Amino acid sequence: MFSITTTVAKSYRLLASTATALIIGGTAMLSTASAADIATSYNNSCAACHDSGALNAIKKGDSAKWQQLIKQKGMPALIKSVKSGMIQMPAGGLCTDCSDDDYRKLIEYMSK
């Protein structure tokens, strides 16, 4: 009886650790895919102005200016501004299918 219990316990631990590894690996793949999607969205929608600073756009990677803007306006108001547009930026920032979460991720992406 002891050997059956030991074998079952070892099998259970092996199965549990394999399942955990698959879940963690799958999550990492999703995170990477999501990051790639945001980078693609940035390149397709935001880079025209935020890479060069055209029309006074804060450049991607200017963390100090981005953090100041986020702190000043707050993320919800910043997302609202992007969605409705500003004098120098069209509504949605050229992203026709972005969700509020996508805008948040894009702002965070540009601020790093």
PDB file of N, CA and C in Angstrom:
ATOM      1  N   MET A   1       0.825  -1.191   0.000  1.00  0.00           N
ATOM      2  CA  MET A   1       0.000   0.000   0.000  1.00  0.00           C
ATOM      3  C   MET A   1       0.866   1.251   0.000  1.00  0.00           C
ATOM      4  N   PHE A   2       1.952   1.241   0.772  1.00  0.00           N
ATOM      5  CA  PHE A   2       2.833   2.397   0.854  1.00  0.00           C
ATOM      6  C   PHE A   2       3.417   2.724  -0.514  1.00  0.00           C
ATOM      7  N   SER A   3       3.828   1.725  -1.294  1.00  0.00           N
ATOM      8  CA  SER A   3       4.435   1.983  -2.596  1.00  0.00           C
ATOM      9  C   SER A   3       3.415   2.539  -3.590  1.00  0.00           C
ATOM     10  N   ILE A   4       2.170   2.127  -3.513  1.00  0.00           N
ATOM     11  CA  ILE A   4       1.132   2.667  -4.396  1.00  0.00           C
ATOM     12  C   ILE A   4       0.888   4.136  -4.054  1.00  0.00           C
ATOM     13  N   THR A   5       0.792   4.433  -2.773  1.00  0.00           N
ATOM     14  CA  THR A   5       0.580   5.815  -2.340  1.00  0.00           C
ATOM     15  C   THR A   5       1.749   6.695  -2.770  1.00  0.00           C
ATOM     16  N   THR A   6       2.959   6.202  -2.613  1.00  0.00           N
ATOM     17  CA  THR A   6       4.157   6.948  -3.010  1.00  0.00           C
ATOM     18  C   THR A   6       4.160   7.177  -4.519  1.00  0.00           C
ATOM     19  N   THR A   7       3.832   6.163  -5.285  1.00  0.00           N
ATOM     20  CA  THR A   7       3.796   6.278  -6.741  1.00  0.00           C
ATOM     21  C   THR A   7       2.739   7.281  -7.188  1.00  0.00           C
ATOM     22  N   VAL A   8       1.571   7.220  -6.589  1.00  0.00           N
ATOM     23  CA  VAL A   8       0.498   8.160  -6.932  1.00  0.00           C
ATOM     24  C   VAL A   8       0.919   9.589  -6.567  1.00  0.00           C
ATOM     25  N   ALA A   9       1.522   9.753  -5.410  1.00  0.00           N
ATOM     26  CA  ALA A   9       1.967  11.080  -4.979  1.00  0.00           C
ATOM     27  C   ALA A   9       3.020  11.633  -5.938  1.00  0.00           C
ATOM     28  N   LYS A  10       3.981  10.793  -6.353  1.00  0.00           N
ATOM     29  CA  LYS A  10       5.015  11.236  -7.289  1.00  0.00           C
ATOM     30  C   LYS A  10       4.392  11.598  -8.635  1.00  0.00           C
ATOM     31  N   SER A  11       3.457  10.783  -9.086  1.00  0.00           N
ATOM     32  CA  SER A  11       2.789  11.052 -10.365  1.00  0.00           C
ATOM     33  C   SER A  11       2.012  12.359 -10.300  1.00  0.00           C
ATOM     34  N   TYR A  12       1.328  12.581  -9.192  1.00  0.00           N
ATOM     35  CA  TYR A  12       0.552  13.808  -9.007  1.00  0.00           C
ATOM     36  C   TYR A  12       1.471  15.025  -9.033  1.00  0.00           C
ATOM     37  N   ARG A  13       2.605  14.945  -8.313  1.00  0.00           N
ATOM     38  CA  ARG A  13       3.549  16.065  -8.289  1.00  0.00           C
ATOM     39  C   ARG A  13       4.104  16.346  -9.683  1.00  0.00           C
ATOM     40  N   LEU A  14       4.413  15.288 -10.428  1.00  0.00           N
ATOM     41  CA  LEU A  14       4.928  15.444 -11.781  1.00  0.00           C
ATOM     42  C   LEU A  14       3.882  16.098 -12.673  1.00  0.00           C
ATOM     43  N   LEU A  15       2.653  15.638 -12.581  1.00  0.00           N
ATOM     44  CA  LEU A  15       1.566  16.194 -13.367  1.00  0.00           C
ATOM     45  C   LEU A  15       1.325  17.665 -12.999  1.00  0.00           C
ATOM     46  N   ALA A  16       1.313  17.968 -11.720  1.00  0.00           N
ATOM     47  CA  ALA A  16       1.091  19.337 -11.257  1.00  0.00           C
ATOM     48  C   ALA A  16       2.216  20.261 -11.724  1.00  0.00           C
ATOM     49  N   SER A  17       3.459  19.803 -11.636  1.00  0.00           N
ATOM     50  CA  SER A  17       4.573  20.660 -12.051  1.00  0.00           C
ATOM     51  C   SER A  17       4.564  20.859 -13.566  1.00  0.00           C
ATOM     52  N   THR A  18       4.178  19.839 -14.325  1.00  0.00           N
ATOM     53  CA  THR A  18       4.080  19.969 -15.776  1.00  0.00           C
ATOM     54  C   THR A  18       2.983  20.960 -16.148  1.00  0.00           C
ATOM     55  N   ALA A  19       1.835  20.837 -15.486  1.00  0.00           N
ATOM     56  CA  ALA A  19       0.729  21.761 -15.758  1.00  0.00           C
ATOM     57  C   ALA A  19       1.129  23.193 -15.425  1.00  0.00           C
ATOM     58  N   THR A  20       1.817  23.374 -14.313  1.00  0.00           N
ATOM     59  CA  THR A  20       2.267  24.711 -13.923  1.00  0.00           C
ATOM     60  C   THR A  20       3.226  25.275 -14.960  1.00  0.00           C
ATOM     61  N   ALA A  21       4.146  24.452 -15.440  1.00  0.00           N
ATOM     62  CA  ALA A  21       5.103  24.906 -16.447  1.00  0.00           C
ATOM     63  C   ALA A  21       4.387  25.308 -17.735  1.00  0.00           C
ATOM     64  N   LEU A  22       3.383  24.551 -18.124  1.00  0.00           N
ATOM     65  CA  LEU A  22       2.629  24.882 -19.325  1.00  0.00           C
ATOM     66  C   LEU A  22       1.859  26.186 -19.158  1.00  0.00           C
ATOM     67  N   ILE A  23       1.267  26.386 -18.002  1.00  0.00           N
ATOM     68  CA  ILE A  23       0.514  27.613 -17.747  1.00  0.00           C
ATOM     69  C   ILE A  23       1.448  28.814 -17.754  1.00  0.00           C
ATOM     70  N   ILE A  24       2.574  28.709 -17.073  1.00  0.00           N
ATOM     71  CA  ILE A  24       3.533  29.814 -17.020  1.00  0.00           C
ATOM     72  C   ILE A  24       4.090  30.087 -18.410  1.00  0.00           C
ATOM     73  N   GLY A  25       4.433  29.038 -19.130  1.00  0.00           N
ATOM     74  CA  GLY A  25       4.960  29.205 -20.482  1.00  0.00           C
ATOM     75  C   GLY A  25       3.936  29.830 -21.406  1.00  0.00           C
ATOM     76  N   GLY A  26       2.689  29.414 -21.295  1.00  0.00           N
ATOM     77  CA  GLY A  26       1.625  29.979 -22.114  1.00  0.00           C
ATOM     78  C   GLY A  26       1.389  31.438 -21.801  1.00  0.00           C
ATOM     79  N   THR A  27       1.450  31.787 -20.535  1.00  0.00           N
ATOM     80  CA  THR A  27       1.269  33.181 -20.131  1.00  0.00           C
ATOM     81  C   THR A  27       2.398  34.034 -20.681  1.00  0.00           C
ATOM     82  N   ALA A  28       3.613  33.530 -20.633  1.00  0.00           N
ATOM     83  CA  ALA A  28       4.751  34.278 -21.171  1.00  0.00           C
ATOM     84  C   ALA A  28       4.592  34.487 -22.669  1.00  0.00           C
ATOM     85  N   MET A  29       4.091  33.476 -23.374  1.00  0.00           N
ATOM     86  CA  MET A  29       3.876  33.611 -24.799  1.00  0.00           C
ATOM     87  C   MET A  29       2.800  34.647 -25.086  1.00  0.00           C
ATOM     88  N   LEU A  30       1.727  34.658 -24.296  1.00  0.00           N
ATOM     89  CA  LEU A  30       0.682  35.652 -24.481  1.00  0.00           C
ATOM     90  C   LEU A  30       1.210  37.048 -24.217  1.00  0.00           C
ATOM     91  N   SER A  31       2.019  37.206 -23.180  1.00  0.00           N
ATOM     92  CA  SER A  31       2.580  38.510 -22.868  1.00  0.00           C
ATOM     93  C   SER A  31       3.480  38.994 -23.995  1.00  0.00           C
ATOM     94  N   THR A  32       4.270  38.099 -24.561  1.00  0.00           N
ATOM     95  CA  THR A  32       5.144  38.454 -25.663  1.00  0.00           C
ATOM     96  C   THR A  32       4.326  38.826 -26.888  1.00  0.00           C
ATOM     97  N   ALA A  33       3.282  38.058 -27.169  1.00  0.00           N
ATOM     98  CA  ALA A  33       2.431  38.357 -28.309  1.00  0.00           C
ATOM     99  C   ALA A  33       1.755  39.707 -28.117  1.00  0.00           C
ATOM    100  N   SER A  34       1.285  39.987 -26.914  1.00  0.00           N
ATOM    101  CA  SER A  34       0.636  41.254 -26.626  1.00  0.00           C
ATOM    102  C   SER A  34       1.614  42.409 -26.806  1.00  0.00           C
ATOM    103  N   ALA A  35       2.837  42.240 -26.331  1.00  0.00           N
ATOM    104  CA  ALA A  35       3.857  43.281 -26.478  1.00  0.00           C
ATOM    105  C   ALA A  35       4.158  43.514 -27.961  1.00  0.00           C
ATOM    106  N   ALA A  36       4.205  42.440 -28.735  1.00  0.00           N
ATOM    107  CA  ALA A  36       4.448  42.566 -30.169  1.00  0.00           C
ATOM    108  C   ALA A  36       3.297  43.306 -30.840  1.00  0.00           C
ATOM    109  N   ASP A  37       2.058  43.019 -30.417  1.00  0.00           N
ATOM    110  CA  ASP A  37       0.894  43.703 -30.970  1.00  0.00           C
ATOM    111  C   ASP A  37       0.949  45.194 -30.673  1.00  0.00           C
ATOM    112  N   ILE A  38       1.330  45.546 -29.459  1.00  0.00           N
ATOM    113  CA  ILE A  38       1.421  46.960 -29.087  1.00  0.00           C
ATOM    114  C   ILE A  38       2.514  47.644 -29.907  1.00  0.00           C
ATOM    115  N   ALA A  39       3.645  46.976 -30.084  1.00  0.00           N
ATOM    116  CA  ALA A  39       4.719  47.550 -30.895  1.00  0.00           C
ATOM    117  C   ALA A  39       4.248  47.765 -32.334  1.00  0.00           C
ATOM    118  N   THR A  40       3.499  46.812 -32.862  1.00  0.00           N
ATOM    119  CA  THR A  40       2.962  46.940 -34.222  1.00  0.00           C
ATOM    120  C   THR A  40       1.957  48.081 -34.289  1.00  0.00           C
ATOM    121  N   SER A  41       1.068  48.157 -33.294  1.00  0.00           N
ATOM    122  CA  SER A  41       0.099  49.259 -33.253  1.00  0.00           C
ATOM    123  C   SER A  41       0.819  50.597 -33.176  1.00  0.00           C
ATOM    124  N   TYR A  42       1.855  50.666 -32.361  1.00  0.00           N
ATOM    125  CA  TYR A  42       2.641  51.900 -32.253  1.00  0.00           C
ATOM    126  C   TYR A  42       3.223  52.275 -33.608  1.00  0.00           C
ATOM    127  N   ASN A  43       3.855  51.315 -34.258  1.00  0.00           N
ATOM    128  CA  ASN A  43       4.491  51.594 -35.552  1.00  0.00           C
ATOM    129  C   ASN A  43       3.474  52.024 -36.601  1.00  0.00           C
ATOM    130  N   ASN A  44       2.271  51.447 -36.554  1.00  0.00           N
ATOM    131  CA  ASN A  44       1.246  51.757 -37.539  1.00  0.00           C
ATOM    132  C   ASN A  44       0.486  53.049 -37.234  1.00  0.00           C
ATOM    133  N   SER A  45       0.410  53.438 -35.970  1.00  0.00           N
ATOM    134  CA  SER A  45      -0.477  54.538 -35.592  1.00  0.00           C
ATOM    135  C   SER A  45       0.208  55.735 -34.952  1.00  0.00           C
ATOM    136  N   CYS A  46       1.241  55.512 -34.197  1.00  0.00           N
ATOM    137  CA  CYS A  46       1.809  56.570 -33.357  1.00  0.00           C
ATOM    138  C   CYS A  46       3.190  57.038 -33.802  1.00  0.00           C
ATOM    139  N   ALA A  47       3.940  56.147 -34.413  1.00  0.00           N
ATOM    140  CA  ALA A  47       5.350  56.412 -34.694  1.00  0.00           C
ATOM    141  C   ALA A  47       5.575  57.616 -35.594  1.00  0.00           C
ATOM    142  N   ALA A  48       4.647  57.879 -36.492  1.00  0.00           N
ATOM    143  CA  ALA A  48       4.833  58.993 -37.431  1.00  0.00           C
ATOM    144  C   ALA A  48       5.144  60.295 -36.694  1.00  0.00           C
ATOM    145  N   CYS A  49       4.517  60.512 -35.574  1.00  0.00           N
ATOM    146  CA  CYS A  49       4.760  61.748 -34.815  1.00  0.00           C
ATOM    147  C   CYS A  49       5.628  61.523 -33.573  1.00  0.00           C
ATOM    148  N   HIS A  50       5.399  60.410 -32.887  1.00  0.00           N
ATOM    149  CA  HIS A  50       6.084  60.212 -31.600  1.00  0.00           C
ATOM    150  C   HIS A  50       7.526  59.719 -31.743  1.00  0.00           C
ATOM    151  N   ASP A  51       7.921  59.239 -32.931  1.00  0.00           N
ATOM    152  CA  ASP A  51       9.342  58.915 -33.137  1.00  0.00           C
ATOM    153  C   ASP A  51      10.158  60.190 -33.353  1.00  0.00           C
ATOM    154  N   SER A  52       9.577  61.132 -34.085  1.00  0.00           N
ATOM    155  CA  SER A  52      10.328  62.335 -34.456  1.00  0.00           C
ATOM    156  C   SER A  52      10.006  63.548 -33.586  1.00  0.00           C
ATOM    157  N   GLY A  53       8.884  63.508 -32.893  1.00  0.00           N
ATOM    158  CA  GLY A  53       8.454  64.664 -32.124  1.00  0.00           C
ATOM    159  C   GLY A  53       7.703  65.671 -32.981  1.00  0.00           C
ATOM    160  N   ALA A  54       7.245  65.222 -34.161  1.00  0.00           N
ATOM    161  CA  ALA A  54       6.505  66.110 -35.063  1.00  0.00           C
ATOM    162  C   ALA A  54       5.281  66.678 -34.359  1.00  0.00           C
ATOM    163  N   LEU A  55       4.956  67.911 -34.687  1.00  0.00           N
ATOM    164  CA  LEU A  55       3.793  68.611 -34.131  1.00  0.00           C
ATOM    165  C   LEU A  55       3.825  68.659 -32.608  1.00  0.00           C
ATOM    166  N   ASN A  56       5.006  68.727 -32.053  1.00  0.00           N
ATOM    167  CA  ASN A  56       5.224  68.807 -30.594  1.00  0.00           C
ATOM    168  C   ASN A  56       4.790  67.551 -29.843  1.00  0.00           C
ATOM    169  N   ALA A  57       4.741  66.414 -30.526  1.00  0.00           N
ATOM    170  CA  ALA A  57       4.409  65.152 -29.856  1.00  0.00           C
ATOM    171  C   ALA A  57       5.569  64.765 -28.944  1.00  0.00           C
ATOM    172  N   ILE A  58       5.226  64.269 -27.772  1.00  0.00           N
ATOM    173  CA  ILE A  58       6.276  63.782 -26.870  1.00  0.00           C
ATOM    174  C   ILE A  58       6.894  62.550 -27.512  1.00  0.00           C
ATOM    175  N   LYS A  59       8.209  62.539 -27.586  1.00  0.00           N
ATOM    176  CA  LYS A  59       8.894  61.420 -28.235  1.00  0.00           C
ATOM    177  C   LYS A  59       8.801  60.144 -27.410  1.00  0.00           C
ATOM    178  N   LYS A  60       8.701  59.033 -28.130  1.00  0.00           N
ATOM    179  CA  LYS A  60       8.741  57.720 -27.487  1.00  0.00           C
ATOM    180  C   LYS A  60      10.069  57.613 -26.746  1.00  0.00           C
ATOM    181  N   GLY A  61      10.006  57.176 -25.496  1.00  0.00           N
ATOM    182  CA  GLY A  61      11.210  56.993 -24.708  1.00  0.00           C
ATOM    183  C   GLY A  61      11.583  58.191 -23.843  1.00  0.00           C
ATOM    184  N   ASP A  62      10.904  59.324 -24.027  1.00  0.00           N
ATOM    185  CA  ASP A  62      11.177  60.478 -23.170  1.00  0.00           C
ATOM    186  C   ASP A  62      10.382  60.284 -21.877  1.00  0.00           C
ATOM    187  N   SER A  63      10.890  59.405 -21.061  1.00  0.00           N
ATOM    188  CA  SER A  63      10.178  58.956 -19.865  1.00  0.00           C
ATOM    189  C   SER A  63       9.797  60.102 -18.939  1.00  0.00           C
ATOM    190  N   ALA A  64      10.677  61.063 -18.765  1.00  0.00           N
ATOM    191  CA  ALA A  64      10.399  62.172 -17.848  1.00  0.00           C
ATOM    192  C   ALA A  64       9.173  62.961 -18.298  1.00  0.00           C
ATOM    193  N   LYS A  65       9.110  63.291 -19.582  1.00  0.00           N
ATOM    194  CA  LYS A  65       7.967  64.059 -20.086  1.00  0.00           C
ATOM    195  C   LYS A  65       6.683  63.239 -20.037  1.00  0.00           C
ATOM    196  N   TRP A  66       6.778  61.955 -20.384  1.00  0.00           N
ATOM    197  CA  TRP A  66       5.583  61.099 -20.333  1.00  0.00           C
ATOM    198  C   TRP A  66       5.077  60.970 -18.903  1.00  0.00           C
ATOM    199  N   GLN A  67       5.976  60.733 -17.974  1.00  0.00           N
ATOM    200  CA  GLN A  67       5.556  60.576 -16.577  1.00  0.00           C
ATOM    201  C   GLN A  67       4.942  61.864 -16.048  1.00  0.00           C
ATOM    202  N   GLN A  68       5.491  63.003 -16.454  1.00  0.00           N
ATOM    203  CA  GLN A  68       4.936  64.288 -16.051  1.00  0.00           C
ATOM    204  C   GLN A  68       3.512  64.441 -16.597  1.00  0.00           C
ATOM    205  N   LEU A  69       3.305  64.092 -17.854  1.00  0.00           N
ATOM    206  CA  LEU A  69       1.981  64.199 -18.465  1.00  0.00           C
ATOM    207  C   LEU A  69       0.982  63.245 -17.812  1.00  0.00           C
ATOM    208  N   ILE A  70       1.410  62.018 -17.560  1.00  0.00           N
ATOM    209  CA  ILE A  70       0.541  61.034 -16.910  1.00  0.00           C
ATOM    210  C   ILE A  70       0.162  61.508 -15.511  1.00  0.00           C
ATOM    211  N   LYS A  71       1.135  62.043 -14.796  1.00  0.00           N
ATOM    212  CA  LYS A  71       0.871  62.537 -13.444  1.00  0.00           C
ATOM    213  C   LYS A  71      -0.055  63.760 -13.483  1.00  0.00           C
ATOM    214  N   GLN A  72       0.166  64.640 -14.441  1.00  0.00           N
ATOM    215  CA  GLN A  72      -0.609  65.871 -14.559  1.00  0.00           C
ATOM    216  C   GLN A  72      -2.065  65.586 -14.934  1.00  0.00           C
ATOM    217  N   LYS A  73      -2.284  64.759 -15.950  1.00  0.00           N
ATOM    218  CA  LYS A  73      -3.637  64.524 -16.447  1.00  0.00           C
ATOM    219  C   LYS A  73      -4.308  63.298 -15.836  1.00  0.00           C
ATOM    220  N   GLY A  74      -3.500  62.291 -15.524  1.00  0.00           N
ATOM    221  CA  GLY A  74      -4.050  61.006 -15.107  1.00  0.00           C
ATOM    222  C   GLY A  74      -4.334  60.157 -16.340  1.00  0.00           C
ATOM    223  N   MET A  75      -4.173  58.869 -16.208  1.00  0.00           N
ATOM    224  CA  MET A  75      -4.316  57.979 -17.356  1.00  0.00           C
ATOM    225  C   MET A  75      -5.730  58.022 -17.964  1.00  0.00           C
ATOM    226  N   PRO A  76      -6.806  58.001 -17.166  1.00  0.00           N
ATOM    227  CA  PRO A  76      -8.144  58.039 -17.785  1.00  0.00           C
ATOM    228  C   PRO A  76      -8.361  59.296 -18.651  1.00  0.00           C
ATOM    229  N   ALA A  77      -7.928  60.463 -18.168  1.00  0.00           N
ATOM    230  CA  ALA A  77      -8.084  61.698 -18.938  1.00  0.00           C
ATOM    231  C   ALA A  77      -7.191  61.693 -20.176  1.00  0.00           C
ATOM    232  N   LEU A  78      -6.026  61.106 -20.058  1.00  0.00           N
ATOM    233  CA  LEU A  78      -5.109  61.017 -21.190  1.00  0.00           C
ATOM    234  C   LEU A  78      -5.702  60.130 -22.285  1.00  0.00           C
ATOM    235  N   ILE A  79      -6.273  59.009 -21.883  1.00  0.00           N
ATOM    236  CA  ILE A  79      -6.924  58.116 -22.847  1.00  0.00           C
ATOM    237  C   ILE A  79      -8.091  58.833 -23.519  1.00  0.00           C
ATOM    238  N   LYS A  80      -8.866  59.572 -22.752  1.00  0.00           N
ATOM    239  CA  LYS A  80      -9.996  60.327 -23.300  1.00  0.00           C
ATOM    240  C   LYS A  80      -9.500  61.350 -24.324  1.00  0.00           C
ATOM    241  N   SER A  81      -8.396  62.016 -24.016  1.00  0.00           N
ATOM    242  CA  SER A  81      -7.822  62.996 -24.948  1.00  0.00           C
ATOM    243  C   SER A  81      -7.402  62.328 -26.254  1.00  0.00           C
ATOM    244  N   VAL A  82      -6.789  61.167 -26.152  1.00  0.00           N
ATOM    245  CA  VAL A  82      -6.367  60.444 -27.354  1.00  0.00           C
ATOM    246  C   VAL A  82      -7.587  60.070 -28.193  1.00  0.00           C
ATOM    247  N   LYS A  83      -8.613  59.562 -27.524  1.00  0.00           N
ATOM    248  CA  LYS A  83      -9.812  59.121 -28.242  1.00  0.00           C
ATOM    249  C   LYS A  83     -10.528  60.274 -28.945  1.00  0.00           C
ATOM    250  N   SER A  84     -10.611  61.420 -28.292  1.00  0.00           N
ATOM    251  CA  SER A  84     -11.336  62.545 -28.880  1.00  0.00           C
ATOM    252  C   SER A  84     -10.452  63.395 -29.793  1.00  0.00           C
ATOM    253  N   GLY A  85      -9.160  63.251 -29.662  1.00  0.00           N
ATOM    254  CA  GLY A  85      -8.232  64.016 -30.483  1.00  0.00           C
ATOM    255  C   GLY A  85      -7.853  65.326 -29.818  1.00  0.00           C
ATOM    256  N   MET A  86      -6.815  65.910 -30.321  1.00  0.00           N
ATOM    257  CA  MET A  86      -6.346  67.202 -29.832  1.00  0.00           C
ATOM    258  C   MET A  86      -6.044  68.052 -31.054  1.00  0.00           C
ATOM    259  N   ILE A  87      -5.695  69.291 -30.831  1.00  0.00           N
ATOM    260  CA  ILE A  87      -5.446  70.201 -31.954  1.00  0.00           C
ATOM    261  C   ILE A  87      -4.468  69.575 -32.950  1.00  0.00           C
ATOM    262  N   GLN A  88      -3.387  69.031 -32.447  1.00  0.00           N
ATOM    263  CA  GLN A  88      -2.326  68.507 -33.307  1.00  0.00           C
ATOM    264  C   GLN A  88      -2.431  67.010 -33.568  1.00  0.00           C
ATOM    265  N   MET A  89      -3.418  66.327 -32.955  1.00  0.00           N
ATOM    266  CA  MET A  89      -3.529  64.873 -33.113  1.00  0.00           C
ATOM    267  C   MET A  89      -4.965  64.506 -33.483  1.00  0.00           C
ATOM    268  N   PRO A  90      -5.116  63.686 -34.526  1.00  0.00           N
ATOM    269  CA  PRO A  90      -6.467  63.272 -34.890  1.00  0.00           C
ATOM    270  C   PRO A  90      -7.072  62.345 -33.839  1.00  0.00           C
ATOM    271  N   ALA A  91      -8.394  62.300 -33.799  1.00  0.00           N
ATOM    272  CA  ALA A  91      -9.084  61.423 -32.857  1.00  0.00           C
ATOM    273  C   ALA A  91      -8.587  59.994 -33.017  1.00  0.00           C
ATOM    274  N   GLY A  92      -8.275  59.371 -31.907  1.00  0.00           N
ATOM    275  CA  GLY A  92      -7.786  57.994 -31.922  1.00  0.00           C
ATOM    276  C   GLY A  92      -6.318  57.870 -32.252  1.00  0.00           C
ATOM    277  N   GLY A  93      -5.678  58.983 -32.558  1.00  0.00           N
ATOM    278  CA  GLY A  93      -4.256  58.924 -32.866  1.00  0.00           C
ATOM    279  C   GLY A  93      -3.929  58.013 -34.036  1.00  0.00           C
ATOM    280  N   LEU A  94      -4.793  57.946 -35.016  1.00  0.00           N
ATOM    281  CA  LEU A  94      -4.667  57.115 -36.219  1.00  0.00           C
ATOM    282  C   LEU A  94      -4.900  55.624 -35.974  1.00  0.00           C
ATOM    283  N   CYS A  95      -5.300  55.247 -34.791  1.00  0.00           N
ATOM    284  CA  CYS A  95      -5.613  53.842 -34.517  1.00  0.00           C
ATOM    285  C   CYS A  95      -7.131  53.692 -34.585  1.00  0.00           C
ATOM    286  N   THR A  96      -7.610  53.056 -35.619  1.00  0.00           N
ATOM    287  CA  THR A  96      -9.055  52.957 -35.839  1.00  0.00           C
ATOM    288  C   THR A  96      -9.730  51.859 -35.035  1.00  0.00           C
ATOM    289  N   ASP A  97      -8.950  50.907 -34.534  1.00  0.00           N
ATOM    290  CA  ASP A  97      -9.570  49.793 -33.815  1.00  0.00           C
ATOM    291  C   ASP A  97      -9.003  49.587 -32.402  1.00  0.00           C
ATOM    292  N   CYS A  98      -8.407  50.632 -31.841  1.00  0.00           N
ATOM    293  CA  CYS A  98      -7.837  50.520 -30.494  1.00  0.00           C
ATOM    294  C   CYS A  98      -8.920  50.641 -29.421  1.00  0.00           C
ATOM    295  N   SER A  99      -8.786  49.835 -28.394  1.00  0.00           N
ATOM    296  CA  SER A  99      -9.651  49.919 -27.219  1.00  0.00           C
ATOM    297  C   SER A  99      -8.993  50.852 -26.206  1.00  0.00           C
ATOM    298  N   ASP A 100      -9.712  51.180 -25.146  1.00  0.00           N
ATOM    299  CA  ASP A 100      -9.114  51.987 -24.078  1.00  0.00           C
ATOM    300  C   ASP A 100      -7.878  51.310 -23.516  1.00  0.00           C
ATOM    301  N   ASP A 101      -7.934  49.985 -23.362  1.00  0.00           N
ATOM    302  CA  ASP A 101      -6.782  49.243 -22.848  1.00  0.00           C
ATOM    303  C   ASP A 101      -5.604  49.328 -23.819  1.00  0.00           C
ATOM    304  N   ASP A 102      -5.886  49.283 -25.122  1.00  0.00           N
ATOM    305  CA  ASP A 102      -4.818  49.424 -26.117  1.00  0.00           C
ATOM    306  C   ASP A 102      -4.161  50.803 -25.996  1.00  0.00           C
ATOM    307  N   TYR A 103      -4.984  51.860 -25.846  1.00  0.00           N
ATOM    308  CA  TYR A 103      -4.428  53.208 -25.687  1.00  0.00           C
ATOM    309  C   TYR A 103      -3.555  53.288 -24.439  1.00  0.00           C
ATOM    310  N   ARG A 104      -4.021  52.683 -23.348  1.00  0.00           N
ATOM    311  CA  ARG A 104      -3.229  52.680 -22.114  1.00  0.00           C
ATOM    312  C   ARG A 104      -1.883  51.992 -22.358  1.00  0.00           C
ATOM    313  N   LYS A 105      -1.928  50.841 -23.012  1.00  0.00           N
ATOM    314  CA  LYS A 105      -0.690  50.104 -23.290  1.00  0.00           C
ATOM    315  C   LYS A 105       0.224  50.887 -24.226  1.00  0.00           C
ATOM    316  N   LEU A 106      -0.361  51.569 -25.195  1.00  0.00           N
ATOM    317  CA  LEU A 106       0.457  52.373 -26.104  1.00  0.00           C
ATOM    318  C   LEU A 106       1.122  53.530 -25.370  1.00  0.00           C
ATOM    319  N   ILE A 107       0.390  54.190 -24.491  1.00  0.00           N
ATOM    320  CA  ILE A 107       0.968  55.289 -23.702  1.00  0.00           C
ATOM    321  C   ILE A 107       2.093  54.757 -22.826  1.00  0.00           C
ATOM    322  N   GLU A 108       1.851  53.619 -22.177  1.00  0.00           N
ATOM    323  CA  GLU A 108       2.899  53.018 -21.340  1.00  0.00           C
ATOM    324  C   GLU A 108       4.099  52.616 -22.186  1.00  0.00           C
ATOM    325  N   TYR A 109       3.862  52.093 -23.387  1.00  0.00           N
ATOM    326  CA  TYR A 109       4.931  51.688 -24.292  1.00  0.00           C
ATOM    327  C   TYR A 109       5.783  52.900 -24.687  1.00  0.00           C
ATOM    328  N   MET A 110       5.122  54.012 -25.006  1.00  0.00           N
ATOM    329  CA  MET A 110       5.854  55.212 -25.420  1.00  0.00           C
ATOM    330  C   MET A 110       6.610  55.845 -24.256  1.00  0.00           C
ATOM    331  N   SER A 111       6.117  55.616 -23.031  1.00  0.00           N
ATOM    332  CA  SER A 111       6.740  56.268 -21.884  1.00  0.00           C
ATOM    333  C   SER A 111       7.982  55.554 -21.373  1.00  0.00           C
ATOM    334  N   LYS A 112       8.330  54.448 -21.982  1.00  0.00           N
ATOM    335  CA  LYS A 112       9.510  53.687 -21.529  1.00  0.00           C
ATOM    336  C   LYS A 112      10.687  53.908 -22.442  1.00  0.00           C
TER     337      LYS A 112
END
